[in-house]
Amino acid sequence: MTALVVRANARSLPLPNESVDLICTSPPYFGLRDYRDDGASLKGQIGAEPTPAEYVASLLECTREWMRVLKPEGS
């Protein structure tokens, strides 16, 4: 068994359709966190949207992508 850790945009994963056995995620709360890299805020981070509606839209966009890569028997 091989484990693969992918660091990528959750909205556009570099993986084939139905290729993942397990997706485990913990998205940040709306407006609560500011993830940084070398002192600068990460551009496009989930939770930093201007409105709660845009935050929910981002979560749905990610979920659609996760469902695309998840195997039918996956979790």
N, C-alpha and C. Protein backbone atom coordinates (compact mmCIF):
# COMPACT_ATOMS: atom_id res chain seq x y z
N MET A 1 0.85 -1.18 0.00
CA MET A 1 0.00 0.00 0.00
C MET A 1 0.89 1.24 0.00
N THR A 2 0.54 2.22 -0.81
CA THR A 2 1.30 3.45 -0.90
C THR A 2 0.42 4.62 -0.47
N ALA A 3 0.96 5.46 0.36
CA ALA A 3 0.25 6.68 0.77
C ALA A 3 0.80 7.84 -0.04
N LEU A 4 -0.07 8.74 -0.41
CA LEU A 4 0.32 9.91 -1.18
C LEU A 4 -0.23 11.14 -0.48
N VAL A 5 0.62 12.07 -0.18
CA VAL A 5 0.20 13.34 0.39
C VAL A 5 0.30 14.37 -0.73
N VAL A 6 -0.82 15.03 -0.99
CA VAL A 6 -0.87 16.02 -2.07
C VAL A 6 -1.08 17.39 -1.45
N ARG A 7 -0.22 18.31 -1.80
CA ARG A 7 -0.41 19.70 -1.37
C ARG A 7 -0.83 20.47 -2.62
N ALA A 8 -2.10 20.82 -2.65
CA ALA A 8 -2.66 21.45 -3.84
C ALA A 8 -3.88 22.27 -3.45
N ASN A 9 -4.41 22.98 -4.41
CA ASN A 9 -5.64 23.72 -4.21
C ASN A 9 -6.79 22.72 -4.10
N ALA A 10 -7.54 22.79 -3.02
CA ALA A 10 -8.63 21.84 -2.78
C ALA A 10 -9.73 21.94 -3.82
N ARG A 11 -9.75 23.03 -4.58
CA ARG A 11 -10.78 23.22 -5.61
C ARG A 11 -10.40 22.58 -6.94
N SER A 12 -9.14 22.18 -7.08
CA SER A 12 -8.66 21.63 -8.35
C SER A 12 -7.50 20.68 -8.07
N LEU A 13 -7.82 19.46 -7.71
CA LEU A 13 -6.81 18.48 -7.33
C LEU A 13 -6.17 17.83 -8.56
N PRO A 14 -4.85 17.64 -8.55
CA PRO A 14 -4.16 17.02 -9.68
C PRO A 14 -4.25 15.49 -9.60
N LEU A 15 -5.48 14.98 -9.55
CA LEU A 15 -5.72 13.55 -9.42
C LEU A 15 -6.78 13.11 -10.41
N PRO A 16 -6.70 11.85 -10.86
CA PRO A 16 -7.72 11.34 -11.77
C PRO A 16 -9.06 11.14 -11.06
N ASN A 17 -10.12 11.09 -11.83
CA ASN A 17 -11.45 10.80 -11.30
C ASN A 17 -11.44 9.46 -10.56
N GLU A 18 -12.19 9.39 -9.47
CA GLU A 18 -12.40 8.15 -8.72
C GLU A 18 -11.10 7.41 -8.42
N SER A 19 -10.11 8.14 -7.91
CA SER A 19 -8.80 7.54 -7.64
C SER A 19 -8.41 7.56 -6.16
N VAL A 20 -9.27 8.09 -5.30
CA VAL A 20 -8.92 8.28 -3.88
C VAL A 20 -9.81 7.40 -3.00
N ASP A 21 -9.18 6.73 -2.04
CA ASP A 21 -9.93 5.87 -1.12
C ASP A 21 -10.52 6.63 0.06
N LEU A 22 -9.81 7.65 0.54
CA LEU A 22 -10.24 8.34 1.75
C LEU A 22 -9.91 9.83 1.64
N ILE A 23 -10.88 10.64 2.00
CA ILE A 23 -10.66 12.09 2.09
C ILE A 23 -10.95 12.49 3.52
N CYS A 24 -9.97 13.14 4.12
CA CYS A 24 -10.10 13.62 5.49
C CYS A 24 -9.80 15.11 5.46
N THR A 25 -10.72 15.92 5.93
CA THR A 25 -10.52 17.36 5.85
C THR A 25 -11.04 18.05 7.11
N SER A 26 -10.54 19.22 7.34
CA SER A 26 -10.99 20.05 8.44
C SER A 26 -10.91 21.50 7.99
N PRO A 27 -11.91 21.94 7.23
CA PRO A 27 -11.85 23.32 6.72
C PRO A 27 -11.93 24.34 7.86
N PRO A 28 -11.27 25.47 7.68
CA PRO A 28 -11.30 26.49 8.72
C PRO A 28 -12.69 27.13 8.84
N TYR A 29 -12.95 27.69 9.99
CA TYR A 29 -14.19 28.43 10.18
C TYR A 29 -14.14 29.74 9.40
N PHE A 30 -15.29 30.28 9.11
CA PHE A 30 -15.38 31.55 8.40
C PHE A 30 -14.78 32.68 9.24
N GLY A 31 -13.83 33.39 8.66
CA GLY A 31 -13.26 34.58 9.28
C GLY A 31 -12.47 34.36 10.55
N LEU A 32 -12.07 33.14 10.85
CA LEU A 32 -11.42 32.87 12.12
C LEU A 32 -9.90 32.69 12.00
N ARG A 33 -9.43 32.16 10.89
CA ARG A 33 -8.00 31.87 10.72
C ARG A 33 -7.43 32.68 9.56
N ASP A 34 -6.12 32.88 9.63
CA ASP A 34 -5.39 33.49 8.53
C ASP A 34 -4.12 32.68 8.35
N TYR A 35 -4.16 31.74 7.41
CA TYR A 35 -2.99 30.90 7.16
C TYR A 35 -1.96 31.72 6.39
N ARG A 36 -0.70 31.58 6.83
CA ARG A 36 0.36 32.43 6.30
C ARG A 36 1.53 31.58 5.81
N ASP A 37 2.26 32.13 4.86
CA ASP A 37 3.48 31.52 4.34
C ASP A 37 4.52 32.62 4.24
N ASP A 38 5.61 32.48 4.96
CA ASP A 38 6.64 33.52 5.01
C ASP A 38 6.07 34.88 5.41
N GLY A 39 5.11 34.87 6.34
CA GLY A 39 4.56 36.11 6.86
C GLY A 39 3.43 36.72 6.06
N ALA A 40 3.14 36.18 4.89
CA ALA A 40 2.08 36.73 4.04
C ALA A 40 0.86 35.80 4.06
N SER A 41 -0.33 36.39 4.05
CA SER A 41 -1.57 35.60 3.97
C SER A 41 -1.59 34.80 2.68
N LEU A 42 -2.04 33.55 2.78
CA LEU A 42 -2.16 32.72 1.59
C LEU A 42 -3.35 33.19 0.76
N LYS A 43 -3.12 33.45 -0.48
CA LYS A 43 -4.16 33.94 -1.39
C LYS A 43 -5.21 32.86 -1.64
N GLY A 44 -6.48 33.24 -1.60
CA GLY A 44 -7.57 32.33 -1.92
C GLY A 44 -7.91 31.32 -0.84
N GLN A 45 -7.42 31.53 0.37
CA GLN A 45 -7.67 30.56 1.43
C GLN A 45 -9.15 30.52 1.82
N ILE A 46 -9.61 29.32 2.10
CA ILE A 46 -10.99 29.12 2.53
C ILE A 46 -11.16 29.71 3.92
N GLY A 47 -12.24 30.44 4.12
CA GLY A 47 -12.53 31.07 5.39
C GLY A 47 -12.27 32.56 5.36
N ALA A 48 -11.59 33.04 4.32
CA ALA A 48 -11.27 34.47 4.21
C ALA A 48 -12.18 35.20 3.22
N GLU A 49 -13.24 34.54 2.79
CA GLU A 49 -14.18 35.16 1.85
C GLU A 49 -14.85 36.35 2.52
N PRO A 50 -15.30 37.33 1.72
CA PRO A 50 -15.93 38.52 2.29
C PRO A 50 -17.27 38.29 2.98
N THR A 51 -18.01 37.24 2.58
CA THR A 51 -19.33 37.00 3.16
C THR A 51 -19.51 35.52 3.51
N PRO A 52 -20.40 35.22 4.45
CA PRO A 52 -20.68 33.81 4.75
C PRO A 52 -21.19 33.04 3.53
N ALA A 53 -21.97 33.68 2.68
CA ALA A 53 -22.49 33.00 1.48
C ALA A 53 -21.35 32.58 0.55
N GLU A 54 -20.35 33.44 0.41
CA GLU A 54 -19.20 33.10 -0.44
C GLU A 54 -18.36 32.00 0.20
N TYR A 55 -18.30 31.99 1.51
CA TYR A 55 -17.61 30.93 2.23
C TYR A 55 -18.28 29.58 1.95
N VAL A 56 -19.59 29.53 2.07
CA VAL A 56 -20.33 28.29 1.80
C VAL A 56 -20.14 27.88 0.35
N ALA A 57 -20.15 28.83 -0.57
CA ALA A 57 -19.93 28.52 -1.99
C ALA A 57 -18.54 27.89 -2.19
N SER A 58 -17.54 28.40 -1.49
CA SER A 58 -16.19 27.83 -1.58
C SER A 58 -16.17 26.40 -1.07
N LEU A 59 -16.84 26.16 0.05
CA LEU A 59 -16.89 24.80 0.60
C LEU A 59 -17.58 23.84 -0.37
N LEU A 60 -18.64 24.30 -1.01
CA LEU A 60 -19.35 23.45 -1.98
C LEU A 60 -18.48 23.17 -3.20
N GLU A 61 -17.73 24.17 -3.63
CA GLU A 61 -16.82 23.99 -4.77
C GLU A 61 -15.77 22.92 -4.44
N CYS A 62 -15.22 22.99 -3.25
CA CYS A 62 -14.24 21.99 -2.82
C CYS A 62 -14.87 20.61 -2.72
N THR A 63 -16.05 20.55 -2.13
CA THR A 63 -16.72 19.26 -1.95
C THR A 63 -17.00 18.59 -3.30
N ARG A 64 -17.40 19.37 -4.30
CA ARG A 64 -17.61 18.80 -5.65
C ARG A 64 -16.32 18.18 -6.17
N GLU A 65 -15.19 18.86 -5.96
CA GLU A 65 -13.91 18.33 -6.43
C GLU A 65 -13.53 17.07 -5.68
N TRP A 66 -13.75 17.06 -4.35
CA TRP A 66 -13.44 15.87 -3.57
C TRP A 66 -14.29 14.69 -4.01
N MET A 67 -15.55 14.93 -4.31
CA MET A 67 -16.43 13.86 -4.78
C MET A 67 -15.97 13.34 -6.14
N ARG A 68 -15.42 14.21 -6.97
CA ARG A 68 -14.91 13.79 -8.29
C ARG A 68 -13.78 12.78 -8.14
N VAL A 69 -12.87 13.01 -7.20
CA VAL A 69 -11.71 12.14 -7.08
C VAL A 69 -11.96 10.92 -6.17
N LEU A 70 -13.02 10.96 -5.38
CA LEU A 70 -13.30 9.86 -4.45
C LEU A 70 -13.86 8.63 -5.19
N LYS A 71 -13.32 7.47 -4.88
CA LYS A 71 -13.83 6.23 -5.46
C LYS A 71 -15.26 5.99 -4.98
N PRO A 72 -16.10 5.31 -5.77
CA PRO A 72 -17.47 5.03 -5.34
C PRO A 72 -17.54 4.32 -3.99
N GLU A 73 -16.56 3.47 -3.69
CA GLU A 73 -16.55 2.75 -2.41
C GLU A 73 -15.72 3.49 -1.35
N GLY A 74 -15.26 4.69 -1.68
CA GLY A 74 -14.41 5.44 -0.77
C GLY A 74 -15.18 6.10 0.36
N SER A 75 -14.41 6.63 1.27
CA SER A 75 -14.98 7.35 2.44
C SER A 75 -14.47 8.76 2.45
